Amino acid sequence: MQLVVGRIGKAHGIKGQVTVEVRTDEPELRLAPGAVLMTDPPSVGPLTIADGRVHSGRLLLSIEGVTTRSGAEALRNTLLIAEIDPDELPEDPEEFYDHQLIGLDVVTVDGEAVGEITEVAHLPSQDLLMVRRADGREVMIPFVRQIVPEIDLENQRAVITPPPGLLDAADAVLAVPDPAEGDTSEDPS
């Protein structure tokens, strides 16, 4: 099973170090010196971590064979991917890997079917569950305890308590007429 653990950002300094946007709760394990990581795009990797340190709140990594700023810049926006055992679970029972969530059925606390999780979007402010509804439309649900109080892996479902308008607002936005299909409403003038 492959797990995205980071994204390479800007070069730092002139000796080939890169900044990394960490996408794992276990950077000390996944991004440790000696770790060999797959990449996206695949043509860039695999990459081996030579060294790492935190500087001004950012993780800086040295990659084996990358010794210049231009070499580091060439890696910008590369995703770092670790190979993990599919049965491995995070240490914290309240944390989940993306592959555990994708495919779960989403239901409200009242048992109303909402859809299926198709993707987990990791944004700077919070994570979003991308949920495909039965009619094919997609809803974005903030992955926070107040809205997603229960993840039931045994029964393959995520239980949500959507605030008023969350699902309706998504319907309204996604139901906007396509201008290419022509406007069938009457002109008020």
N, C-alpha and C. Protein backbone atom coordinates (compact mmCIF):
# COMPACT_ATOMS: atom_id res chain seq x y z
N MET A 1 0.85 -1.17 0.00
CA MET A 1 0.00 0.00 0.00
C MET A 1 0.90 1.23 0.00
N GLN A 2 0.56 2.19 -0.83
CA GLN A 2 1.36 3.41 -0.91
C GLN A 2 0.66 4.53 -0.15
N LEU A 3 1.46 5.32 0.57
CA LEU A 3 0.96 6.41 1.39
C LEU A 3 1.76 7.67 1.09
N VAL A 4 1.07 8.75 0.69
CA VAL A 4 1.76 10.02 0.45
C VAL A 4 2.14 10.59 1.82
N VAL A 5 3.44 10.83 2.02
CA VAL A 5 3.92 11.30 3.32
C VAL A 5 4.43 12.73 3.26
N GLY A 6 4.55 13.30 2.06
CA GLY A 6 5.01 14.68 1.97
C GLY A 6 5.04 15.17 0.54
N ARG A 7 5.20 16.48 0.41
CA ARG A 7 5.36 17.12 -0.90
C ARG A 7 6.55 18.05 -0.81
N ILE A 8 7.47 17.92 -1.74
CA ILE A 8 8.66 18.76 -1.75
C ILE A 8 8.27 20.17 -2.17
N GLY A 9 8.76 21.15 -1.40
CA GLY A 9 8.50 22.55 -1.70
C GLY A 9 9.72 23.20 -2.31
N LYS A 10 10.03 24.39 -1.83
CA LYS A 10 11.13 25.18 -2.38
C LYS A 10 12.49 24.63 -1.94
N ALA A 11 13.50 25.00 -2.70
CA ALA A 11 14.89 24.71 -2.30
C ALA A 11 15.23 25.61 -1.12
N HIS A 12 16.13 25.13 -0.27
CA HIS A 12 16.57 25.91 0.88
C HIS A 12 18.10 25.95 0.86
N GLY A 13 18.64 27.13 0.70
CA GLY A 13 20.10 27.25 0.67
C GLY A 13 20.68 26.83 -0.67
N ILE A 14 22.00 26.64 -0.67
CA ILE A 14 22.69 26.33 -1.92
C ILE A 14 23.23 24.90 -1.98
N LYS A 15 22.98 24.11 -0.92
CA LYS A 15 23.56 22.76 -0.86
C LYS A 15 22.56 21.65 -1.18
N GLY A 16 21.42 22.01 -1.77
CA GLY A 16 20.48 20.98 -2.22
C GLY A 16 19.40 20.58 -1.24
N GLN A 17 19.26 21.29 -0.13
CA GLN A 17 18.19 20.95 0.80
C GLN A 17 16.85 21.41 0.23
N VAL A 18 15.78 20.72 0.64
CA VAL A 18 14.43 21.07 0.21
C VAL A 18 13.52 21.22 1.42
N THR A 19 12.53 22.10 1.29
CA THR A 19 11.48 22.17 2.31
C THR A 19 10.46 21.09 1.96
N VAL A 20 9.78 20.58 2.99
CA VAL A 20 8.80 19.53 2.78
C VAL A 20 7.51 19.87 3.51
N GLU A 21 6.41 19.80 2.77
CA GLU A 21 5.08 19.89 3.37
C GLU A 21 4.76 18.48 3.86
N VAL A 22 4.75 18.30 5.17
CA VAL A 22 4.56 16.98 5.76
C VAL A 22 3.09 16.57 5.66
N ARG A 23 2.85 15.34 5.22
CA ARG A 23 1.48 14.81 5.10
C ARG A 23 1.34 13.50 5.85
N THR A 24 2.08 13.38 6.94
CA THR A 24 1.99 12.20 7.78
C THR A 24 2.09 12.63 9.23
N ASP A 25 1.46 11.87 10.10
CA ASP A 25 1.57 12.15 11.53
C ASP A 25 2.82 11.50 12.12
N GLU A 26 3.56 10.79 11.30
CA GLU A 26 4.76 10.10 11.76
C GLU A 26 5.98 10.47 10.92
N PRO A 27 6.32 11.76 10.84
CA PRO A 27 7.46 12.15 9.99
C PRO A 27 8.78 11.56 10.48
N GLU A 28 8.91 11.38 11.79
CA GLU A 28 10.16 10.83 12.32
C GLU A 28 10.38 9.39 11.86
N LEU A 29 9.32 8.70 11.49
CA LEU A 29 9.42 7.33 10.99
C LEU A 29 9.49 7.32 9.46
N ARG A 30 8.59 8.04 8.81
CA ARG A 30 8.45 7.99 7.35
C ARG A 30 9.52 8.79 6.60
N LEU A 31 10.02 9.88 7.24
CA LEU A 31 10.98 10.77 6.57
C LEU A 31 12.34 10.75 7.27
N ALA A 32 12.67 9.64 7.87
CA ALA A 32 13.93 9.50 8.62
C ALA A 32 15.10 9.27 7.66
N PRO A 33 16.32 9.65 8.09
CA PRO A 33 17.50 9.36 7.27
C PRO A 33 17.55 7.87 6.91
N GLY A 34 17.82 7.61 5.64
CA GLY A 34 17.87 6.25 5.15
C GLY A 34 16.58 5.77 4.52
N ALA A 35 15.48 6.48 4.76
CA ALA A 35 14.19 6.08 4.17
C ALA A 35 14.26 6.23 2.65
N VAL A 36 13.78 5.22 1.95
CA VAL A 36 13.72 5.25 0.49
C VAL A 36 12.26 5.43 0.11
N LEU A 37 11.99 6.51 -0.63
CA LEU A 37 10.62 6.87 -0.96
C LEU A 37 10.37 6.85 -2.46
N MET A 38 9.20 6.36 -2.83
CA MET A 38 8.75 6.44 -4.21
C MET A 38 8.34 7.89 -4.45
N THR A 39 8.13 8.26 -5.70
CA THR A 39 7.76 9.64 -6.00
C THR A 39 6.64 9.70 -7.04
N ASP A 40 5.98 10.83 -7.05
CA ASP A 40 5.04 11.16 -8.11
C ASP A 40 5.41 12.56 -8.56
N PRO A 41 5.99 12.71 -9.73
CA PRO A 41 6.08 11.75 -10.82
C PRO A 41 7.13 10.67 -10.55
N PRO A 42 6.85 9.44 -11.02
CA PRO A 42 7.75 8.32 -10.76
C PRO A 42 9.15 8.49 -11.36
N SER A 43 9.27 9.26 -12.41
CA SER A 43 10.57 9.43 -13.09
C SER A 43 11.61 10.10 -12.20
N VAL A 44 11.19 10.79 -11.15
CA VAL A 44 12.11 11.51 -10.27
C VAL A 44 12.76 10.57 -9.25
N GLY A 45 12.10 9.49 -8.90
CA GLY A 45 12.56 8.66 -7.79
C GLY A 45 13.07 7.32 -8.24
N PRO A 46 13.31 6.46 -7.27
CA PRO A 46 13.10 6.67 -5.84
C PRO A 46 14.15 7.62 -5.25
N LEU A 47 13.78 8.24 -4.13
CA LEU A 47 14.68 9.16 -3.43
C LEU A 47 15.00 8.60 -2.06
N THR A 48 16.26 8.78 -1.66
CA THR A 48 16.70 8.34 -0.33
C THR A 48 16.99 9.56 0.52
N ILE A 49 16.40 9.59 1.71
CA ILE A 49 16.61 10.70 2.64
C ILE A 49 18.00 10.57 3.25
N ALA A 50 18.82 11.62 3.11
CA ALA A 50 20.17 11.62 3.69
C ALA A 50 20.16 12.19 5.10
N ASP A 51 19.38 13.27 5.29
CA ASP A 51 19.37 13.94 6.59
C ASP A 51 18.14 14.85 6.64
N GLY A 52 17.76 15.23 7.84
CA GLY A 52 16.63 16.13 7.98
C GLY A 52 16.73 16.93 9.26
N ARG A 53 16.09 18.10 9.25
CA ARG A 53 16.04 18.95 10.44
C ARG A 53 14.87 19.90 10.31
N VAL A 54 14.46 20.45 11.44
CA VAL A 54 13.39 21.45 11.44
C VAL A 54 14.05 22.82 11.55
N HIS A 55 13.63 23.74 10.69
CA HIS A 55 14.15 25.11 10.69
C HIS A 55 12.97 26.06 10.56
N SER A 56 12.80 26.92 11.54
CA SER A 56 11.70 27.90 11.55
C SER A 56 10.34 27.24 11.30
N GLY A 57 10.13 26.08 11.93
CA GLY A 57 8.85 25.40 11.82
C GLY A 57 8.65 24.59 10.56
N ARG A 58 9.65 24.52 9.70
CA ARG A 58 9.55 23.76 8.44
C ARG A 58 10.54 22.61 8.46
N LEU A 59 10.12 21.49 7.89
CA LEU A 59 11.02 20.36 7.76
C LEU A 59 11.91 20.57 6.55
N LEU A 60 13.22 20.46 6.76
CA LEU A 60 14.19 20.53 5.67
C LEU A 60 14.80 19.15 5.52
N LEU A 61 14.89 18.67 4.28
CA LEU A 61 15.50 17.37 4.02
C LEU A 61 16.65 17.52 3.04
N SER A 62 17.65 16.68 3.26
CA SER A 62 18.73 16.49 2.28
C SER A 62 18.46 15.15 1.62
N ILE A 63 18.51 15.14 0.30
CA ILE A 63 18.25 13.93 -0.48
C ILE A 63 19.58 13.45 -1.05
N GLU A 64 19.84 12.15 -0.93
CA GLU A 64 21.09 11.61 -1.48
C GLU A 64 21.20 11.94 -2.96
N GLY A 65 22.38 12.45 -3.37
CA GLY A 65 22.64 12.77 -4.76
C GLY A 65 22.20 14.16 -5.18
N VAL A 66 21.50 14.88 -4.31
CA VAL A 66 21.06 16.25 -4.62
C VAL A 66 21.94 17.19 -3.81
N THR A 67 22.87 17.87 -4.49
CA THR A 67 23.85 18.69 -3.77
C THR A 67 23.85 20.16 -4.20
N THR A 68 22.94 20.52 -5.10
CA THR A 68 22.91 21.91 -5.56
C THR A 68 21.49 22.46 -5.46
N ARG A 69 21.40 23.78 -5.43
CA ARG A 69 20.09 24.43 -5.39
C ARG A 69 19.26 24.07 -6.62
N SER A 70 19.90 24.05 -7.79
CA SER A 70 19.14 23.73 -9.01
C SER A 70 18.63 22.28 -8.96
N GLY A 71 19.40 21.39 -8.39
CA GLY A 71 18.95 20.01 -8.23
C GLY A 71 17.74 19.93 -7.30
N ALA A 72 17.78 20.73 -6.24
CA ALA A 72 16.65 20.77 -5.30
C ALA A 72 15.42 21.39 -5.96
N GLU A 73 15.62 22.46 -6.74
CA GLU A 73 14.50 23.11 -7.42
C GLU A 73 13.83 22.16 -8.41
N ALA A 74 14.60 21.26 -9.01
CA ALA A 74 14.04 20.31 -9.97
C ALA A 74 13.07 19.33 -9.31
N LEU A 75 13.15 19.20 -7.99
CA LEU A 75 12.28 18.28 -7.26
C LEU A 75 10.99 18.95 -6.76
N ARG A 76 10.88 20.24 -6.95
CA ARG A 76 9.74 20.99 -6.41
C ARG A 76 8.40 20.37 -6.85
N ASN A 77 7.48 20.29 -5.91
CA ASN A 77 6.12 19.73 -6.09
C ASN A 77 6.09 18.22 -6.27
N THR A 78 7.21 17.55 -6.04
CA THR A 78 7.23 16.09 -6.11
C THR A 78 6.58 15.52 -4.85
N LEU A 79 5.68 14.56 -5.03
CA LEU A 79 5.08 13.88 -3.89
C LEU A 79 6.01 12.77 -3.42
N LEU A 80 6.16 12.63 -2.11
CA LEU A 80 6.97 11.58 -1.51
C LEU A 80 6.02 10.49 -1.02
N ILE A 81 6.28 9.25 -1.44
CA ILE A 81 5.35 8.15 -1.18
C ILE A 81 6.09 7.02 -0.48
N ALA A 82 5.54 6.61 0.68
CA ALA A 82 6.11 5.49 1.44
C ALA A 82 5.29 4.24 1.17
N GLU A 83 5.96 3.13 1.13
CA GLU A 83 5.29 1.84 0.99
C GLU A 83 5.02 1.33 2.40
N ILE A 84 3.74 1.06 2.71
CA ILE A 84 3.40 0.58 4.05
C ILE A 84 2.61 -0.72 3.95
N ASP A 85 2.61 -1.46 5.02
CA ASP A 85 1.82 -2.67 5.13
C ASP A 85 0.35 -2.27 5.16
N PRO A 86 -0.50 -2.83 4.28
CA PRO A 86 -1.91 -2.42 4.25
C PRO A 86 -2.65 -2.68 5.55
N ASP A 87 -2.15 -3.59 6.37
CA ASP A 87 -2.80 -3.88 7.65
C ASP A 87 -2.30 -2.97 8.77
N GLU A 88 -1.29 -2.15 8.48
CA GLU A 88 -0.75 -1.25 9.49
C GLU A 88 -1.79 -0.18 9.84
N LEU A 89 -1.91 0.09 11.12
CA LEU A 89 -2.84 1.11 11.59
C LEU A 89 -2.07 2.21 12.30
N PRO A 90 -2.58 3.44 12.25
CA PRO A 90 -1.93 4.51 13.02
C PRO A 90 -1.97 4.17 14.51
N GLU A 91 -1.01 4.69 15.26
CA GLU A 91 -0.96 4.41 16.70
C GLU A 91 -2.19 4.96 17.41
N ASP A 92 -2.65 6.14 17.03
CA ASP A 92 -3.81 6.78 17.65
C ASP A 92 -5.08 6.21 17.03
N PRO A 93 -5.99 5.63 17.83
CA PRO A 93 -7.22 5.06 17.27
C PRO A 93 -8.15 6.10 16.63
N GLU A 94 -7.90 7.37 16.87
CA GLU A 94 -8.72 8.44 16.28
C GLU A 94 -8.13 8.94 14.96
N GLU A 95 -7.06 8.31 14.47
CA GLU A 95 -6.44 8.70 13.21
C GLU A 95 -6.64 7.58 12.19
N PHE A 96 -6.67 7.99 10.92
CA PHE A 96 -6.91 7.03 9.85
C PHE A 96 -6.03 7.36 8.66
N TYR A 97 -5.61 6.31 7.94
CA TYR A 97 -4.94 6.52 6.68
C TYR A 97 -6.01 6.72 5.61
N ASP A 98 -5.66 7.45 4.56
CA ASP A 98 -6.61 7.73 3.49
C ASP A 98 -7.23 6.44 2.94
N HIS A 99 -6.41 5.40 2.74
CA HIS A 99 -6.93 4.17 2.14
C HIS A 99 -7.97 3.50 3.02
N GLN A 100 -7.97 3.78 4.33
CA GLN A 100 -8.98 3.22 5.21
C GLN A 100 -10.33 3.92 5.03
N LEU A 101 -10.28 5.19 4.63
CA LEU A 101 -11.50 5.99 4.50
C LEU A 101 -12.14 5.90 3.12
N ILE A 102 -11.29 5.80 2.09
CA ILE A 102 -11.81 5.75 0.72
C ILE A 102 -12.63 4.48 0.54
N GLY A 103 -13.84 4.65 0.04
CA GLY A 103 -14.75 3.53 -0.16
C GLY A 103 -15.78 3.36 0.95
N LEU A 104 -15.61 4.07 2.07
CA LEU A 104 -16.60 3.97 3.15
C LEU A 104 -17.92 4.59 2.71
N ASP A 105 -19.02 3.96 3.13
CA ASP A 105 -20.34 4.55 2.92
C ASP A 105 -20.51 5.68 3.93
N VAL A 106 -21.15 6.76 3.51
CA VAL A 106 -21.41 7.90 4.39
C VAL A 106 -22.90 7.95 4.66
N VAL A 107 -23.25 7.98 5.95
CA VAL A 107 -24.65 8.06 6.37
C VAL A 107 -24.78 9.13 7.44
N THR A 108 -25.98 9.71 7.56
CA THR A 108 -26.23 10.66 8.64
C THR A 108 -26.51 9.86 9.91
N VAL A 109 -26.52 10.54 11.06
CA VAL A 109 -26.82 9.86 12.32
C VAL A 109 -28.22 9.26 12.31
N ASP A 110 -29.10 9.77 11.44
CA ASP A 110 -30.46 9.23 11.31
C ASP A 110 -30.51 8.03 10.36
N GLY A 111 -29.36 7.66 9.78
CA GLY A 111 -29.31 6.51 8.89
C GLY A 111 -29.54 6.82 7.43
N GLU A 112 -29.70 8.10 7.09
CA GLU A 112 -29.92 8.49 5.69
C GLU A 112 -28.62 8.34 4.90
N ALA A 113 -28.69 7.62 3.79
CA ALA A 113 -27.50 7.43 2.95
C ALA A 113 -27.12 8.75 2.29
N VAL A 114 -25.83 9.09 2.34
CA VAL A 114 -25.33 10.32 1.73
C VAL A 114 -24.52 9.99 0.48
N GLY A 115 -23.66 8.97 0.56
CA GLY A 115 -22.82 8.62 -0.57
C GLY A 115 -21.64 7.78 -0.14
N GLU A 116 -20.55 7.88 -0.92
CA GLU A 116 -19.34 7.09 -0.67
C GLU A 116 -18.12 8.00 -0.74
N ILE A 117 -17.18 7.82 0.19
CA ILE A 117 -15.95 8.61 0.19
C ILE A 117 -15.09 8.16 -0.99
N THR A 118 -14.72 9.13 -1.85
CA THR A 118 -13.90 8.82 -3.02
C THR A 118 -12.48 9.34 -2.89
N GLU A 119 -12.29 10.32 -1.99
CA GLU A 119 -10.98 10.95 -1.85
C GLU A 119 -10.92 11.68 -0.52
N VAL A 120 -9.70 11.84 0.00
CA VAL A 120 -9.47 12.68 1.17
C VAL A 120 -8.55 13.81 0.71
N ALA A 121 -9.05 15.04 0.78
CA ALA A 121 -8.27 16.21 0.36
C ALA A 121 -7.62 16.83 1.59
N HIS A 122 -6.30 16.94 1.57
CA HIS A 122 -5.55 17.51 2.69
C HIS A 122 -5.24 18.96 2.38
N LEU A 123 -6.00 19.85 2.99
CA LEU A 123 -5.83 21.28 2.77
C LEU A 123 -5.14 21.90 3.98
N PRO A 124 -4.55 23.08 3.84
CA PRO A 124 -3.86 23.70 4.97
C PRO A 124 -4.77 23.93 6.19
N SER A 125 -6.03 24.28 5.95
CA SER A 125 -6.91 24.59 7.08
C SER A 125 -7.52 23.34 7.71
N GLN A 126 -7.88 22.35 6.90
CA GLN A 126 -8.47 21.11 7.40
C GLN A 126 -8.56 20.10 6.27
N ASP A 127 -8.82 18.86 6.65
CA ASP A 127 -9.01 17.81 5.65
C ASP A 127 -10.48 17.79 5.24
N LEU A 128 -10.72 17.42 3.98
CA LEU A 128 -12.08 17.29 3.46
C LEU A 128 -12.29 15.88 2.95
N LEU A 129 -13.47 15.34 3.23
CA LEU A 129 -13.87 14.07 2.64
C LEU A 129 -14.65 14.39 1.37
N MET A 130 -14.20 13.87 0.25
CA MET A 130 -14.91 14.04 -1.01
C MET A 130 -15.87 12.86 -1.12
N VAL A 131 -17.16 13.16 -1.18
CA VAL A 131 -18.19 12.13 -1.15
C VAL A 131 -19.01 12.18 -2.43
N ARG A 132 -19.09 11.04 -3.12
CA ARG A 132 -19.91 10.95 -4.33
C ARG A 132 -21.30 10.50 -3.92
N ARG A 133 -22.30 11.31 -4.30
CA ARG A 133 -23.70 11.00 -4.01
C ARG A 133 -24.19 9.95 -5.02
N ALA A 134 -25.34 9.37 -4.75
CA ALA A 134 -25.91 8.34 -5.63
C ALA A 134 -26.16 8.86 -7.03
N ASP A 135 -26.47 10.17 -7.16
CA ASP A 135 -26.74 10.74 -8.48
C ASP A 135 -25.47 11.17 -9.21
N GLY A 136 -24.30 10.88 -8.62
CA GLY A 136 -23.02 11.19 -9.26
C GLY A 136 -22.42 12.52 -8.86
N ARG A 137 -23.19 13.37 -8.20
CA ARG A 137 -22.64 14.66 -7.76
C ARG A 137 -21.71 14.45 -6.58
N GLU A 138 -20.81 15.41 -6.37
CA GLU A 138 -19.82 15.31 -5.31
C GLU A 138 -20.07 16.36 -4.23
N VAL A 139 -19.90 15.95 -2.98
CA VAL A 139 -20.06 16.83 -1.82
C VAL A 139 -18.74 16.83 -1.06
N MET A 140 -18.33 18.00 -0.59
CA MET A 140 -17.12 18.11 0.24
C MET A 140 -17.55 18.26 1.70
N ILE A 141 -17.09 17.33 2.54
CA ILE A 141 -17.47 17.34 3.95
C ILE A 141 -16.22 17.56 4.79
N PRO A 142 -16.20 18.63 5.61
CA PRO A 142 -15.04 18.85 6.48
C PRO A 142 -14.85 17.66 7.42
N PHE A 143 -13.62 17.15 7.48
CA PHE A 143 -13.32 15.99 8.31
C PHE A 143 -12.93 16.47 9.71
N VAL A 144 -13.94 16.91 10.44
CA VAL A 144 -13.77 17.37 11.82
C VAL A 144 -14.77 16.61 12.69
N ARG A 145 -14.42 16.42 13.96
CA ARG A 145 -15.23 15.61 14.87
C ARG A 145 -16.69 16.10 14.96
N GLN A 146 -16.91 17.41 14.92
CA GLN A 146 -18.26 17.94 15.04
C GLN A 146 -19.16 17.49 13.89
N ILE A 147 -18.58 17.27 12.73
CA ILE A 147 -19.37 16.88 11.55
C ILE A 147 -19.27 15.39 11.27
N VAL A 148 -18.11 14.80 11.56
CA VAL A 148 -17.91 13.36 11.35
C VAL A 148 -17.56 12.74 12.72
N PRO A 149 -18.60 12.47 13.54
CA PRO A 149 -18.33 11.98 14.89
C PRO A 149 -17.90 10.52 14.96
N GLU A 150 -18.14 9.76 13.88
CA GLU A 150 -17.85 8.32 13.96
C GLU A 150 -17.33 7.78 12.63
N ILE A 151 -16.22 7.06 12.73
CA ILE A 151 -15.71 6.26 11.62
C ILE A 151 -15.78 4.82 12.09
N ASP A 152 -16.57 4.02 11.41
CA ASP A 152 -16.79 2.62 11.78
C ASP A 152 -16.17 1.74 10.69
N LEU A 153 -14.89 1.41 10.87
CA LEU A 153 -14.19 0.61 9.85
C LEU A 153 -14.76 -0.79 9.74
N GLU A 154 -15.20 -1.35 10.86
CA GLU A 154 -15.74 -2.71 10.85
C GLU A 154 -16.97 -2.81 9.95
N ASN A 155 -17.84 -1.80 10.01
CA ASN A 155 -19.05 -1.79 9.18
C ASN A 155 -18.89 -0.94 7.92
N GLN A 156 -17.66 -0.48 7.66
CA GLN A 156 -17.34 0.26 6.44
C GLN A 156 -18.25 1.48 6.23
N ARG A 157 -18.34 2.33 7.29
CA ARG A 157 -19.17 3.53 7.16
C ARG A 157 -18.62 4.68 7.98
N ALA A 158 -18.95 5.88 7.51
CA ALA A 158 -18.65 7.12 8.23
C ALA A 158 -19.99 7.75 8.55
N VAL A 159 -20.17 8.09 9.82
CA VAL A 159 -21.43 8.71 10.25
C VAL A 159 -21.20 10.21 10.36
N ILE A 160 -22.12 10.98 9.77
CA ILE A 160 -21.96 12.44 9.80
C ILE A 160 -23.18 13.10 10.43
N THR A 161 -22.94 14.28 11.00
CA THR A 161 -24.01 15.16 11.48
C THR A 161 -23.83 16.48 10.74
N PRO A 162 -24.33 16.54 9.51
CA PRO A 162 -24.09 17.74 8.69
C PRO A 162 -24.83 18.95 9.26
N PRO A 163 -24.15 20.09 9.36
CA PRO A 163 -24.86 21.30 9.79
C PRO A 163 -25.89 21.68 8.73
N PRO A 164 -26.90 22.45 9.14
CA PRO A 164 -27.93 22.85 8.17
C PRO A 164 -27.30 23.50 6.94
N GLY A 165 -27.72 23.02 5.78
CA GLY A 165 -27.27 23.61 4.53
C GLY A 165 -26.04 22.96 3.91
N LEU A 166 -25.29 22.14 4.67
CA LEU A 166 -24.07 21.55 4.09
C LEU A 166 -24.39 20.71 2.87
N LEU A 167 -25.31 19.79 3.01
CA LEU A 167 -25.67 18.94 1.87
C LEU A 167 -26.56 19.69 0.89
N ASP A 168 -27.45 20.54 1.39
CA ASP A 168 -28.32 21.33 0.51
C ASP A 168 -27.52 22.34 -0.29
N ALA A 169 -26.54 23.00 0.35
CA ALA A 169 -25.72 23.99 -0.35
C ALA A 169 -24.95 23.32 -1.48
N ALA A 170 -24.46 22.12 -1.22
CA ALA A 170 -23.73 21.40 -2.27
C ALA A 170 -24.67 21.09 -3.43
N ASP A 171 -25.92 20.72 -3.10
CA ASP A 171 -26.89 20.46 -4.16
C ASP A 171 -27.15 21.71 -4.97
N ALA A 172 -27.30 22.85 -4.28
CA ALA A 172 -27.59 24.10 -4.98
C ALA A 172 -26.45 24.51 -5.89
N VAL A 173 -25.22 24.39 -5.40
CA VAL A 173 -24.05 24.77 -6.20
C VAL A 173 -23.91 23.85 -7.40
N LEU A 174 -24.09 22.56 -7.16
CA LEU A 174 -23.90 21.60 -8.25
C LEU A 174 -25.08 21.57 -9.22
N ALA A 175 -26.21 22.19 -8.83
CA ALA A 175 -27.38 22.17 -9.70
C ALA A 175 -27.49 23.43 -10.56
N VAL A 176 -26.47 24.28 -10.55
CA VAL A 176 -26.48 25.49 -11.37
C VAL A 176 -26.53 25.08 -12.84
N PRO A 177 -27.45 25.68 -13.62
CA PRO A 177 -27.56 25.30 -15.04
C PRO A 177 -26.26 25.55 -15.80
N ASP A 178 -26.00 24.67 -16.74
CA ASP A 178 -24.82 24.79 -17.59
C ASP A 178 -25.13 25.78 -18.72
N PRO A 179 -24.37 26.90 -18.82
CA PRO A 179 -24.64 27.89 -19.87
C PRO A 179 -24.57 27.29 -21.27
N ALA A 180 -23.82 26.23 -21.45
CA ALA A 180 -23.68 25.61 -22.77
C ALA A 180 -24.99 24.96 -23.21
N GLU A 181 -25.84 24.61 -22.21
CA GLU A 181 -27.11 23.98 -22.54
C GLU A 181 -28.17 25.00 -22.90
N GLY A 182 -27.85 26.27 -22.76
CA GLY A 182 -28.82 27.32 -23.08
C GLY A 182 -29.67 27.66 -21.88
N ASP A 183 -30.14 28.88 -21.83
CA ASP A 183 -30.96 29.37 -20.73
C ASP A 183 -32.42 29.17 -21.11
N THR A 184 -33.14 28.36 -20.31
CA THR A 184 -34.54 28.11 -20.61
C THR A 184 -35.47 29.01 -19.82
N SER A 185 -34.91 29.87 -18.97
CA SER A 185 -35.76 30.78 -18.20
C SER A 185 -36.20 31.93 -19.09
N GLU A 186 -37.33 32.53 -18.70
CA GLU A 186 -37.84 33.66 -19.49
C GLU A 186 -37.07 34.91 -19.16
N ASP A 187 -36.88 35.76 -20.15
CA ASP A 187 -36.19 37.04 -19.97
C ASP A 187 -37.16 38.02 -19.33
N PRO A 188 -36.83 38.56 -18.12
CA PRO A 188 -37.75 39.45 -17.43
C PRO A 188 -37.91 40.80 -18.12
N SER A 189 -37.09 41.18 -19.06
CA SER A 189 -37.20 42.50 -19.68
C SER A 189 -38.11 42.53 -20.86
